mmCIF file of all heavy atoms, coordinates in Angstrom:
data_MODEL
# 
_entry.id   MODEL 
# 
loop_
_atom_site.group_PDB 
_atom_site.id 
_atom_site.type_symbol 
_atom_site.label_atom_id 
_atom_site.label_alt_id 
_atom_site.label_comp_id 
_atom_site.label_asym_id 
_atom_site.label_entity_id 
_atom_site.label_seq_id 
_atom_site.pdbx_PDB_ins_code 
_atom_site.Cartn_x 
_atom_site.Cartn_y 
_atom_site.Cartn_z 
_atom_site.occupancy 
_atom_site.B_iso_or_equiv 
_atom_site.pdbx_formal_charge 
_atom_site.auth_seq_id 
_atom_site.auth_comp_id 
_atom_site.auth_asym_id 
_atom_site.auth_atom_id 
_atom_site.pdbx_PDB_model_num 
ATOM 1   N N   . GLY A 1 1  ? 6.492  14.267 19.836  1.00 0.00 ? 1  GLY A N   1 
ATOM 2   C CA  . GLY A 1 1  ? 6.005  13.041 19.207  1.00 0.00 ? 1  GLY A CA  1 
ATOM 3   C C   . GLY A 1 1  ? 5.171  13.288 17.971  1.00 0.00 ? 1  GLY A C   1 
ATOM 4   O O   . GLY A 1 1  ? 4.676  12.352 17.351  1.00 0.00 ? 1  GLY A O   1 
ATOM 5   N N   . SER A 1 2  ? 5.020  14.564 17.586  1.00 0.00 ? 2  SER A N   1 
ATOM 6   C CA  . SER A 1 2  ? 4.214  14.886 16.415  1.00 0.00 ? 2  SER A CA  1 
ATOM 7   C C   . SER A 1 2  ? 4.805  16.096 15.692  1.00 0.00 ? 2  SER A C   1 
ATOM 8   O O   . SER A 1 2  ? 5.267  17.039 16.342  1.00 0.00 ? 2  SER A O   1 
ATOM 9   C CB  . SER A 1 2  ? 2.776  15.186 16.842  1.00 0.00 ? 2  SER A CB  1 
ATOM 10  O OG  . SER A 1 2  ? 1.975  15.460 15.723  1.00 0.00 ? 2  SER A OG  1 
ATOM 11  N N   . ILE A 1 3  ? 4.787  16.032 14.365  1.00 0.00 ? 3  ILE A N   1 
ATOM 12  C CA  . ILE A 1 3  ? 5.224  17.151 13.538  1.00 0.00 ? 3  ILE A CA  1 
ATOM 13  C C   . ILE A 1 3  ? 4.241  17.301 12.379  1.00 0.00 ? 3  ILE A C   1 
ATOM 14  O O   . ILE A 1 3  ? 3.406  16.424 12.152  1.00 0.00 ? 3  ILE A O   1 
ATOM 15  C CB  . ILE A 1 3  ? 6.657  16.953 12.984  1.00 0.00 ? 3  ILE A CB  1 
ATOM 16  C CG1 . ILE A 1 3  ? 6.754  15.650 12.178  1.00 0.00 ? 3  ILE A CG1 1 
ATOM 17  C CG2 . ILE A 1 3  ? 7.685  17.001 14.104  1.00 0.00 ? 3  ILE A CG2 1 
ATOM 18  C CD1 . ILE A 1 3  ? 8.088  15.447 11.477  1.00 0.00 ? 3  ILE A CD1 1 
ATOM 19  N N   . SER A 1 4  ? 4.336  18.400 11.658  1.00 0.00 ? 4  SER A N   1 
ATOM 20  C CA  . SER A 1 4  ? 3.540  18.610 10.450  1.00 0.00 ? 4  SER A CA  1 
ATOM 21  C C   . SER A 1 4  ? 4.490  18.594 9.265   1.00 0.00 ? 4  SER A C   1 
ATOM 22  O O   . SER A 1 4  ? 5.507  19.289 9.275   1.00 0.00 ? 4  SER A O   1 
ATOM 23  C CB  . SER A 1 4  ? 2.812  19.953 10.492  1.00 0.00 ? 4  SER A CB  1 
ATOM 24  O OG  . SER A 1 4  ? 1.807  19.928 11.472  1.00 0.00 ? 4  SER A OG  1 
ATOM 25  N N   . VAL A 1 5  ? 4.164  17.805 8.250   1.00 0.00 ? 5  VAL A N   1 
ATOM 26  C CA  . VAL A 1 5  ? 5.023  17.668 7.075   1.00 0.00 ? 5  VAL A CA  1 
ATOM 27  C C   . VAL A 1 5  ? 4.284  18.184 5.843   1.00 0.00 ? 5  VAL A C   1 
ATOM 28  O O   . VAL A 1 5  ? 3.128  17.831 5.602   1.00 0.00 ? 5  VAL A O   1 
ATOM 29  C CB  . VAL A 1 5  ? 5.456  16.207 6.867   1.00 0.00 ? 5  VAL A CB  1 
ATOM 30  C CG1 . VAL A 1 5  ? 6.253  16.042 5.573   1.00 0.00 ? 5  VAL A CG1 1 
ATOM 31  C CG2 . VAL A 1 5  ? 6.268  15.724 8.068   1.00 0.00 ? 5  VAL A CG2 1 
ATOM 32  N N   . THR A 1 6  ? 4.990  19.018 5.090   1.00 0.00 ? 6  THR A N   1 
ATOM 33  C CA  . THR A 1 6  ? 4.469  19.525 3.823   1.00 0.00 ? 6  THR A CA  1 
ATOM 34  C C   . THR A 1 6  ? 5.342  18.974 2.711   1.00 0.00 ? 6  THR A C   1 
ATOM 35  O O   . THR A 1 6  ? 6.539  19.265 2.651   1.00 0.00 ? 6  THR A O   1 
ATOM 36  C CB  . THR A 1 6  ? 4.506  21.071 3.789   1.00 0.00 ? 6  THR A CB  1 
ATOM 37  O OG1 . THR A 1 6  ? 3.771  21.567 4.908   1.00 0.00 ? 6  THR A OG1 1 
ATOM 38  C CG2 . THR A 1 6  ? 3.897  21.597 2.501   1.00 0.00 ? 6  THR A CG2 1 
ATOM 39  N N   . MET A 1 7  ? 4.759  18.161 1.857   1.00 0.00 ? 7  MET A N   1 
ATOM 40  C CA  . MET A 1 7  ? 5.499  17.584 0.740   1.00 0.00 ? 7  MET A CA  1 
ATOM 41  C C   . MET A 1 7  ? 5.692  18.659 -0.324  1.00 0.00 ? 7  MET A C   1 
ATOM 42  O O   . MET A 1 7  ? 4.774  19.413 -0.609  1.00 0.00 ? 7  MET A O   1 
ATOM 43  C CB  . MET A 1 7  ? 4.748  16.374 0.200   1.00 0.00 ? 7  MET A CB  1 
ATOM 44  C CG  . MET A 1 7  ? 4.636  15.258 1.226   1.00 0.00 ? 7  MET A CG  1 
ATOM 45  S SD  . MET A 1 7  ? 3.516  13.933 0.768   1.00 0.00 ? 7  MET A SD  1 
ATOM 46  C CE  . MET A 1 7  ? 4.379  13.213 -0.595  1.00 0.00 ? 7  MET A CE  1 
ATOM 47  N N   . ASN A 1 8  ? 6.895  18.706 -0.916  1.00 0.00 ? 8  ASN A N   1 
ATOM 48  C CA  . ASN A 1 8  ? 7.173  19.747 -1.899  1.00 0.00 ? 8  ASN A CA  1 
ATOM 49  C C   . ASN A 1 8  ? 7.615  19.210 -3.259  1.00 0.00 ? 8  ASN A C   1 
ATOM 50  O O   . ASN A 1 8  ? 7.961  19.984 -4.137  1.00 0.00 ? 8  ASN A O   1 
ATOM 51  C CB  . ASN A 1 8  ? 8.215  20.732 -1.363  1.00 0.00 ? 8  ASN A CB  1 
ATOM 52  C CG  . ASN A 1 8  ? 9.570  20.091 -1.147  1.00 0.00 ? 8  ASN A CG  1 
ATOM 53  O OD1 . ASN A 1 8  ? 9.799  18.940 -1.484  1.00 0.00 ? 8  ASN A OD1 1 
ATOM 54  N ND2 . ASN A 1 8  ? 10.478 20.847 -0.556  1.00 0.00 ? 8  ASN A ND2 1 
ATOM 55  N N   . ALA A 1 9  ? 7.605  17.921 -3.447  1.00 0.00 ? 9  ALA A N   1 
ATOM 56  C CA  . ALA A 1 9  ? 8.037  17.341 -4.719  1.00 0.00 ? 9  ALA A CA  1 
ATOM 57  C C   . ALA A 1 9  ? 6.849  16.999 -5.621  1.00 0.00 ? 9  ALA A C   1 
ATOM 58  O O   . ALA A 1 9  ? 7.046  16.563 -6.743  1.00 0.00 ? 9  ALA A O   1 
ATOM 59  C CB  . ALA A 1 9  ? 8.877  16.092 -4.469  1.00 0.00 ? 9  ALA A CB  1 
ATOM 60  N N   . GLU A 1 10 ? 5.656  17.190 -5.126  1.00 0.00 ? 10 GLU A N   1 
ATOM 61  C CA  . GLU A 1 10 ? 4.449  16.841 -5.867  1.00 0.00 ? 10 GLU A CA  1 
ATOM 62  C C   . GLU A 1 10 ? 4.092  17.917 -6.894  1.00 0.00 ? 10 GLU A C   1 
ATOM 63  O O   . GLU A 1 10 ? 4.477  19.075 -6.732  1.00 0.00 ? 10 GLU A O   1 
ATOM 64  C CB  . GLU A 1 10 ? 3.282  16.684 -4.880  1.00 0.00 ? 10 GLU A CB  1 
ATOM 65  C CG  . GLU A 1 10 ? 3.519  15.640 -3.815  1.00 0.00 ? 10 GLU A CG  1 
ATOM 66  C CD  . GLU A 1 10 ? 3.610  14.237 -4.360  1.00 0.00 ? 10 GLU A CD  1 
ATOM 67  O OE1 . GLU A 1 10 ? 2.813  13.879 -5.243  1.00 0.00 ? 10 GLU A OE1 1 
ATOM 68  O OE2 . GLU A 1 10 ? 4.502  13.495 -3.922  1.00 0.00 ? 10 GLU A OE2 1 
ATOM 69  N N   . PRO A 1 11 ? 3.326  17.564 -7.919  1.00 0.00 ? 11 PRO A N   1 
ATOM 70  C CA  . PRO A 1 11 ? 2.952  18.566 -8.924  1.00 0.00 ? 11 PRO A CA  1 
ATOM 71  C C   . PRO A 1 11 ? 2.013  19.636 -8.387  1.00 0.00 ? 11 PRO A C   1 
ATOM 72  O O   . PRO A 1 11 ? 2.023  20.770 -8.848  1.00 0.00 ? 11 PRO A O   1 
ATOM 73  C CB  . PRO A 1 11 ? 2.275  17.756 -10.023 1.00 0.00 ? 11 PRO A CB  1 
ATOM 74  C CG  . PRO A 1 11 ? 1.891  16.468 -9.396  1.00 0.00 ? 11 PRO A CG  1 
ATOM 75  C CD  . PRO A 1 11 ? 2.837  16.240 -8.248  1.00 0.00 ? 11 PRO A CD  1 
ATOM 76  N N   . GLU A 1 12 ? 1.202  19.296 -7.396  1.00 0.00 ? 12 GLU A N   1 
ATOM 77  C CA  . GLU A 1 12 ? 0.287  20.266 -6.805  1.00 0.00 ? 12 GLU A CA  1 
ATOM 78  C C   . GLU A 1 12 ? 0.713  20.573 -5.377  1.00 0.00 ? 12 GLU A C   1 
ATOM 79  O O   . GLU A 1 12 ? 1.414  19.785 -4.745  1.00 0.00 ? 12 GLU A O   1 
ATOM 80  C CB  . GLU A 1 12 ? -1.159 19.749 -6.831  1.00 0.00 ? 12 GLU A CB  1 
ATOM 81  C CG  . GLU A 1 12 ? -1.438 18.568 -5.920  1.00 0.00 ? 12 GLU A CG  1 
ATOM 82  C CD  . GLU A 1 12 ? -1.059 17.197 -6.497  1.00 0.00 ? 12 GLU A CD  1 
ATOM 83  O OE1 . GLU A 1 12 ? -0.776 17.090 -7.694  1.00 0.00 ? 12 GLU A OE1 1 
ATOM 84  O OE2 . GLU A 1 12 ? -1.029 16.237 -5.718  1.00 0.00 ? 12 GLU A OE2 1 
ATOM 85  N N   . THR A 1 13 ? 0.306  21.720 -4.884  1.00 0.00 ? 13 THR A N   1 
ATOM 86  C CA  . THR A 1 13 ? 0.610  22.108 -3.517  1.00 0.00 ? 13 THR A CA  1 
ATOM 87  C C   . THR A 1 13 ? -0.276 21.298 -2.572  1.00 0.00 ? 13 THR A C   1 
ATOM 88  O O   . THR A 1 13 ? -1.495 21.257 -2.743  1.00 0.00 ? 13 THR A O   1 
ATOM 89  C CB  . THR A 1 13 ? 0.346  23.611 -3.312  1.00 0.00 ? 13 THR A CB  1 
ATOM 90  O OG1 . THR A 1 13 ? 1.149  24.338 -4.248  1.00 0.00 ? 13 THR A OG1 1 
ATOM 91  C CG2 . THR A 1 13 ? 0.696  24.035 -1.900  1.00 0.00 ? 13 THR A CG2 1 
ATOM 92  N N   . LEU A 1 14 ? 0.340  20.662 -1.622  1.00 0.00 ? 14 LEU A N   1 
ATOM 93  C CA  . LEU A 1 14 ? -0.387 19.848 -0.654  1.00 0.00 ? 14 LEU A CA  1 
ATOM 94  C C   . LEU A 1 14 ? -0.377 20.534 0.702   1.00 0.00 ? 14 LEU A C   1 
ATOM 95  O O   . LEU A 1 14 ? 0.577  21.229 1.055   1.00 0.00 ? 14 LEU A O   1 
ATOM 96  C CB  . LEU A 1 14 ? 0.255  18.466 -0.529  1.00 0.00 ? 14 LEU A CB  1 
ATOM 97  C CG  . LEU A 1 14 ? 0.305  17.634 -1.802  1.00 0.00 ? 14 LEU A CG  1 
ATOM 98  C CD1 . LEU A 1 14 ? 1.066  16.341 -1.542  1.00 0.00 ? 14 LEU A CD1 1 
ATOM 99  C CD2 . LEU A 1 14 ? -1.093 17.329 -2.307  1.00 0.00 ? 14 LEU A CD2 1 
ATOM 100 N N   . GLN A 1 15 ? -1.436 20.320 1.454   1.00 0.00 ? 15 GLN A N   1 
ATOM 101 C CA  . GLN A 1 15 ? -1.493 20.851 2.813   1.00 0.00 ? 15 GLN A CA  1 
ATOM 102 C C   . GLN A 1 15 ? -0.596 20.022 3.720   1.00 0.00 ? 15 GLN A C   1 
ATOM 103 O O   . GLN A 1 15 ? -0.360 18.840 3.475   1.00 0.00 ? 15 GLN A O   1 
ATOM 104 C CB  . GLN A 1 15 ? -2.920 20.806 3.341   1.00 0.00 ? 15 GLN A CB  1 
ATOM 105 C CG  . GLN A 1 15 ? -3.850 21.776 2.673   1.00 0.00 ? 15 GLN A CG  1 
ATOM 106 C CD  . GLN A 1 15 ? -5.188 21.827 3.393   1.00 0.00 ? 15 GLN A CD  1 
ATOM 107 O OE1 . GLN A 1 15 ? -5.540 20.955 4.162   1.00 0.00 ? 15 GLN A OE1 1 
ATOM 108 N NE2 . GLN A 1 15 ? -5.939 22.872 3.113   1.00 0.00 ? 15 GLN A NE2 1 
ATOM 109 N N   . ALA A 1 16 ? -0.123 20.654 4.771   1.00 0.00 ? 16 ALA A N   1 
ATOM 110 C CA  . ALA A 1 16 ? 0.684  19.939 5.760   1.00 0.00 ? 16 ALA A CA  1 
ATOM 111 C C   . ALA A 1 16 ? -0.153 18.821 6.377   1.00 0.00 ? 16 ALA A C   1 
ATOM 112 O O   . ALA A 1 16 ? -1.349 18.972 6.597   1.00 0.00 ? 16 ALA A O   1 
ATOM 113 C CB  . ALA A 1 16 ? 1.156  20.902 6.841   1.00 0.00 ? 16 ALA A CB  1 
ATOM 114 N N   . ALA A 1 17 ? 0.504  17.699 6.620   1.00 0.00 ? 17 ALA A N   1 
ATOM 115 C CA  . ALA A 1 17 ? -0.160 16.551 7.235   1.00 0.00 ? 17 ALA A CA  1 
ATOM 116 C C   . ALA A 1 17 ? 0.512  16.248 8.571   1.00 0.00 ? 17 ALA A C   1 
ATOM 117 O O   . ALA A 1 17 ? 1.736  16.358 8.695   1.00 0.00 ? 17 ALA A O   1 
ATOM 118 C CB  . ALA A 1 17 ? -0.072 15.335 6.319   1.00 0.00 ? 17 ALA A CB  1 
ATOM 119 N N   . PRO A 1 18 ? -0.283 15.845 9.563   1.00 0.00 ? 18 PRO A N   1 
ATOM 120 C CA  . PRO A 1 18 ? 0.317  15.483 10.849  1.00 0.00 ? 18 PRO A CA  1 
ATOM 121 C C   . PRO A 1 18 ? 1.009  14.121 10.766  1.00 0.00 ? 18 PRO A C   1 
ATOM 122 O O   . PRO A 1 18 ? 0.458  13.177 10.205  1.00 0.00 ? 18 PRO A O   1 
ATOM 123 C CB  . PRO A 1 18 ? -0.882 15.432 11.794  1.00 0.00 ? 18 PRO A CB  1 
ATOM 124 C CG  . PRO A 1 18 ? -2.062 15.161 10.911  1.00 0.00 ? 18 PRO A CG  1 
ATOM 125 C CD  . PRO A 1 18 ? -1.739 15.752 9.569   1.00 0.00 ? 18 PRO A CD  1 
ATOM 126 N N   . TRP A 1 19 ? 2.211  14.067 11.262  1.00 0.00 ? 19 TRP A N   1 
ATOM 127 C CA  . TRP A 1 19 ? 2.978  12.825 11.343  1.00 0.00 ? 19 TRP A CA  1 
ATOM 128 C C   . TRP A 1 19 ? 3.224  12.525 12.815  1.00 0.00 ? 19 TRP A C   1 
ATOM 129 O O   . TRP A 1 19 ? 3.652  13.391 13.574  1.00 0.00 ? 19 TRP A O   1 
ATOM 130 C CB  . TRP A 1 19 ? 4.325  12.957 10.641  1.00 0.00 ? 19 TRP A CB  1 
ATOM 131 C CG  . TRP A 1 19 ? 4.273  13.004 9.141   1.00 0.00 ? 19 TRP A CG  1 
ATOM 132 C CD1 . TRP A 1 19 ? 3.325  13.558 8.350   1.00 0.00 ? 19 TRP A CD1 1 
ATOM 133 C CD2 . TRP A 1 19 ? 5.259  12.482 8.257   1.00 0.00 ? 19 TRP A CD2 1 
ATOM 134 N NE1 . TRP A 1 19 ? 3.652  13.423 7.028   1.00 0.00 ? 19 TRP A NE1 1 
ATOM 135 C CE2 . TRP A 1 19 ? 4.845  12.765 6.945   1.00 0.00 ? 19 TRP A CE2 1 
ATOM 136 C CE3 . TRP A 1 19 ? 6.472  11.824 8.448   1.00 0.00 ? 19 TRP A CE3 1 
ATOM 137 C CZ2 . TRP A 1 19 ? 5.573  12.392 5.822   1.00 0.00 ? 19 TRP A CZ2 1 
ATOM 138 C CZ3 . TRP A 1 19 ? 7.200  11.453 7.334   1.00 0.00 ? 19 TRP A CZ3 1 
ATOM 139 C CH2 . TRP A 1 19 ? 6.757  11.732 6.039   1.00 0.00 ? 19 TRP A CH2 1 
ATOM 140 N N   . THR A 1 20 ? 2.984  11.302 13.215  1.00 0.00 ? 20 THR A N   1 
ATOM 141 C CA  . THR A 1 20 ? 3.259  10.852 14.570  1.00 0.00 ? 20 THR A CA  1 
ATOM 142 C C   . THR A 1 20 ? 4.564  10.065 14.555  1.00 0.00 ? 20 THR A C   1 
ATOM 143 O O   . THR A 1 20 ? 4.722  9.149  13.751  1.00 0.00 ? 20 THR A O   1 
ATOM 144 C CB  . THR A 1 20 ? 2.120  9.966  15.108  1.00 0.00 ? 20 THR A CB  1 
ATOM 145 O OG1 . THR A 1 20 ? 0.908  10.719 15.085  1.00 0.00 ? 20 THR A OG1 1 
ATOM 146 C CG2 . THR A 1 20 ? 2.409  9.484  16.520  1.00 0.00 ? 20 THR A CG2 1 
ATOM 147 N N   . ILE A 1 21 ? 5.471  10.449 15.412  1.00 0.00 ? 21 ILE A N   1 
ATOM 148 C CA  . ILE A 1 21 ? 6.749  9.748  15.516  1.00 0.00 ? 21 ILE A CA  1 
ATOM 149 C C   . ILE A 1 21 ? 6.546  8.575  16.459  1.00 0.00 ? 21 ILE A C   1 
ATOM 150 O O   . ILE A 1 21 ? 6.286  8.746  17.644  1.00 0.00 ? 21 ILE A O   1 
ATOM 151 C CB  . ILE A 1 21 ? 7.859  10.693 16.020  1.00 0.00 ? 21 ILE A CB  1 
ATOM 152 C CG1 . ILE A 1 21 ? 8.000  11.863 15.039  1.00 0.00 ? 21 ILE A CG1 1 
ATOM 153 C CG2 . ILE A 1 21 ? 9.173  9.927  16.195  1.00 0.00 ? 21 ILE A CG2 1 
ATOM 154 C CD1 . ILE A 1 21 ? 8.818  13.024 15.563  1.00 0.00 ? 21 ILE A CD1 1 
ATOM 155 N N   . ARG A 1 22 ? 6.642  7.372  15.920  1.00 0.00 ? 22 ARG A N   1 
ATOM 156 C CA  . ARG A 1 22 ? 6.407  6.153  16.693  1.00 0.00 ? 22 ARG A CA  1 
ATOM 157 C C   . ARG A 1 22 ? 7.679  5.643  17.360  1.00 0.00 ? 22 ARG A C   1 
ATOM 158 O O   . ARG A 1 22 ? 7.642  5.063  18.441  1.00 0.00 ? 22 ARG A O   1 
ATOM 159 C CB  . ARG A 1 22 ? 5.838  5.067  15.790  1.00 0.00 ? 22 ARG A CB  1 
ATOM 160 C CG  . ARG A 1 22 ? 4.504  5.449  15.174  1.00 0.00 ? 22 ARG A CG  1 
ATOM 161 C CD  . ARG A 1 22 ? 4.079  4.451  14.134  1.00 0.00 ? 22 ARG A CD  1 
ATOM 162 N NE  . ARG A 1 22 ? 3.715  3.192  14.765  1.00 0.00 ? 22 ARG A NE  1 
ATOM 163 C CZ  . ARG A 1 22 ? 2.626  2.515  14.492  1.00 0.00 ? 22 ARG A CZ  1 
ATOM 164 N NH1 . ARG A 1 22 ? 1.786  2.966  13.588  1.00 0.00 ? 22 ARG A NH1 1 
ATOM 165 N NH2 . ARG A 1 22 ? 2.375  1.376  15.077  1.00 0.00 ? 22 ARG A NH2 1 
ATOM 166 N N   . ARG A 1 23 ? 8.791  5.842  16.657  1.00 0.00 ? 23 ARG A N   1 
ATOM 167 C CA  . ARG A 1 23 ? 10.076 5.343  17.170  1.00 0.00 ? 23 ARG A CA  1 
ATOM 168 C C   . ARG A 1 23 ? 11.189 6.160  16.522  1.00 0.00 ? 23 ARG A C   1 
ATOM 169 O O   . ARG A 1 23 ? 11.182 6.368  15.310  1.00 0.00 ? 23 ARG A O   1 
ATOM 170 C CB  . ARG A 1 23 ? 10.214 3.876  16.792  1.00 0.00 ? 23 ARG A CB  1 
ATOM 171 C CG  . ARG A 1 23 ? 11.408 3.172  17.341  1.00 0.00 ? 23 ARG A CG  1 
ATOM 172 C CD  . ARG A 1 23 ? 11.300 1.681  17.014  1.00 0.00 ? 23 ARG A CD  1 
ATOM 173 N NE  . ARG A 1 23 ? 12.594 1.042  17.142  1.00 0.00 ? 23 ARG A NE  1 
ATOM 174 C CZ  . ARG A 1 23 ? 12.940 -0.053 16.516  1.00 0.00 ? 23 ARG A CZ  1 
ATOM 175 N NH1 . ARG A 1 23 ? 12.090 -0.643 15.711  1.00 0.00 ? 23 ARG A NH1 1 
ATOM 176 N NH2 . ARG A 1 23 ? 14.129 -0.562 16.693  1.00 0.00 ? 23 ARG A NH2 1 
ATOM 177 N N   . CYS A 1 24 ? 12.119 6.614  17.316  1.00 0.00 ? 24 CYS A N   1 
ATOM 178 C CA  . CYS A 1 24 ? 13.252 7.378  16.792  1.00 0.00 ? 24 CYS A CA  1 
ATOM 179 C C   . CYS A 1 24 ? 14.492 6.973  17.575  1.00 0.00 ? 24 CYS A C   1 
ATOM 180 O O   . CYS A 1 24 ? 14.600 7.269  18.769  1.00 0.00 ? 24 CYS A O   1 
ATOM 181 C CB  . CYS A 1 24 ? 13.000 8.878  16.904  1.00 0.00 ? 24 CYS A CB  1 
ATOM 182 S SG  . CYS A 1 24 ? 14.319 9.878  16.176  1.00 0.00 ? 24 CYS A SG  1 
ATOM 183 N N   . GLU A 1 25 ? 15.403 6.279  16.899  1.00 0.00 ? 25 GLU A N   1 
ATOM 184 C CA  . GLU A 1 25 ? 16.650 5.818  17.498  1.00 0.00 ? 25 GLU A CA  1 
ATOM 185 C C   . GLU A 1 25 ? 17.803 6.244  16.585  1.00 0.00 ? 25 GLU A C   1 
ATOM 186 O O   . GLU A 1 25 ? 18.256 5.472  15.742  1.00 0.00 ? 25 GLU A O   1 
ATOM 187 C CB  . GLU A 1 25 ? 16.634 4.297  17.673  1.00 0.00 ? 25 GLU A CB  1 
ATOM 188 C CG  . GLU A 1 25 ? 15.527 3.811  18.582  1.00 0.00 ? 25 GLU A CG  1 
ATOM 189 C CD  . GLU A 1 25 ? 15.367 2.294  18.582  1.00 0.00 ? 25 GLU A CD  1 
ATOM 190 O OE1 . GLU A 1 25 ? 16.224 1.583  18.019  1.00 0.00 ? 25 GLU A OE1 1 
ATOM 191 O OE2 . GLU A 1 25 ? 14.364 1.827  19.142  1.00 0.00 ? 25 GLU A OE2 1 
ATOM 192 N N   . PRO A 1 26 ? 18.230 7.520  16.723  1.00 0.00 ? 26 PRO A N   1 
ATOM 193 C CA  . PRO A 1 26 ? 19.272 8.046  15.837  1.00 0.00 ? 26 PRO A CA  1 
ATOM 194 C C   . PRO A 1 26 ? 20.567 7.238  15.943  1.00 0.00 ? 26 PRO A C   1 
ATOM 195 O O   . PRO A 1 26 ? 20.947 6.852  17.042  1.00 0.00 ? 26 PRO A O   1 
ATOM 196 C CB  . PRO A 1 26 ? 19.492 9.464  16.337  1.00 0.00 ? 26 PRO A CB  1 
ATOM 197 C CG  . PRO A 1 26 ? 18.291 9.791  17.164  1.00 0.00 ? 26 PRO A CG  1 
ATOM 198 C CD  . PRO A 1 26 ? 17.787 8.492  17.709  1.00 0.00 ? 26 PRO A CD  1 
ATOM 199 N N   . PRO A 1 27 ? 21.258 7.023  14.874  1.00 0.00 ? 27 PRO A N   1 
ATOM 200 C CA  . PRO A 1 27 ? 20.898 7.258  13.478  1.00 0.00 ? 27 PRO A CA  1 
ATOM 201 C C   . PRO A 1 27 ? 20.424 5.982  12.778  1.00 0.00 ? 27 PRO A C   1 
ATOM 202 O O   . PRO A 1 27 ? 20.707 5.767  11.598  1.00 0.00 ? 27 PRO A O   1 
ATOM 203 C CB  . PRO A 1 27 ? 22.233 7.717  12.873  1.00 0.00 ? 27 PRO A CB  1 
ATOM 204 C CG  . PRO A 1 27 ? 23.244 6.847  13.588  1.00 0.00 ? 27 PRO A CG  1 
ATOM 205 C CD  . PRO A 1 27 ? 22.693 6.684  14.994  1.00 0.00 ? 27 PRO A CD  1 
ATOM 206 N N   . HIS A 1 28 ? 19.684 5.141  13.496  1.00 0.00 ? 28 HIS A N   1 
ATOM 207 C CA  . HIS A 1 28 ? 19.348 3.831  12.942  1.00 0.00 ? 28 HIS A CA  1 
ATOM 208 C C   . HIS A 1 28 ? 17.894 3.604  12.563  1.00 0.00 ? 28 HIS A C   1 
ATOM 209 O O   . HIS A 1 28 ? 17.629 2.905  11.574  1.00 0.00 ? 28 HIS A O   1 
ATOM 210 C CB  . HIS A 1 28 ? 19.788 2.731  13.918  1.00 0.00 ? 28 HIS A CB  1 
ATOM 211 C CG  . HIS A 1 28 ? 21.263 2.698  14.127  1.00 0.00 ? 28 HIS A CG  1 
ATOM 212 N ND1 . HIS A 1 28 ? 22.133 2.175  13.211  1.00 0.00 ? 28 HIS A ND1 1 
ATOM 213 C CD2 . HIS A 1 28 ? 22.021 3.159  15.141  1.00 0.00 ? 28 HIS A CD2 1 
ATOM 214 C CE1 . HIS A 1 28 ? 23.374 2.309  13.652  1.00 0.00 ? 28 HIS A CE1 1 
ATOM 215 N NE2 . HIS A 1 28 ? 23.331 2.906  14.826  1.00 0.00 ? 28 HIS A NE2 1 
ATOM 216 N N   . VAL A 1 29 ? 16.950 4.129  13.328  1.00 0.00 ? 29 VAL A N   1 
ATOM 217 C CA  . VAL A 1 29 ? 15.541 3.819  13.071  1.00 0.00 ? 29 VAL A CA  1 
ATOM 218 C C   . VAL A 1 29 ? 14.673 5.060  13.244  1.00 0.00 ? 29 VAL A C   1 
ATOM 219 O O   . VAL A 1 29 ? 14.786 5.765  14.244  1.00 0.00 ? 29 VAL A O   1 
ATOM 220 C CB  . VAL A 1 29 ? 15.013 2.716  14.027  1.00 0.00 ? 29 VAL A CB  1 
ATOM 221 C CG1 . VAL A 1 29 ? 13.545 2.419  13.757  1.00 0.00 ? 29 VAL A CG1 1 
ATOM 222 C CG2 . VAL A 1 29 ? 15.840 1.447  13.927  1.00 0.00 ? 29 VAL A CG2 1 
# 
């Protein structure tokens, strides 16, 4: 229910942020 995401398209290096998965219904939501 939780992952760490590191954005890579930004001009500066960002630290990984925790993401909570609230709902996952492949391949729709």
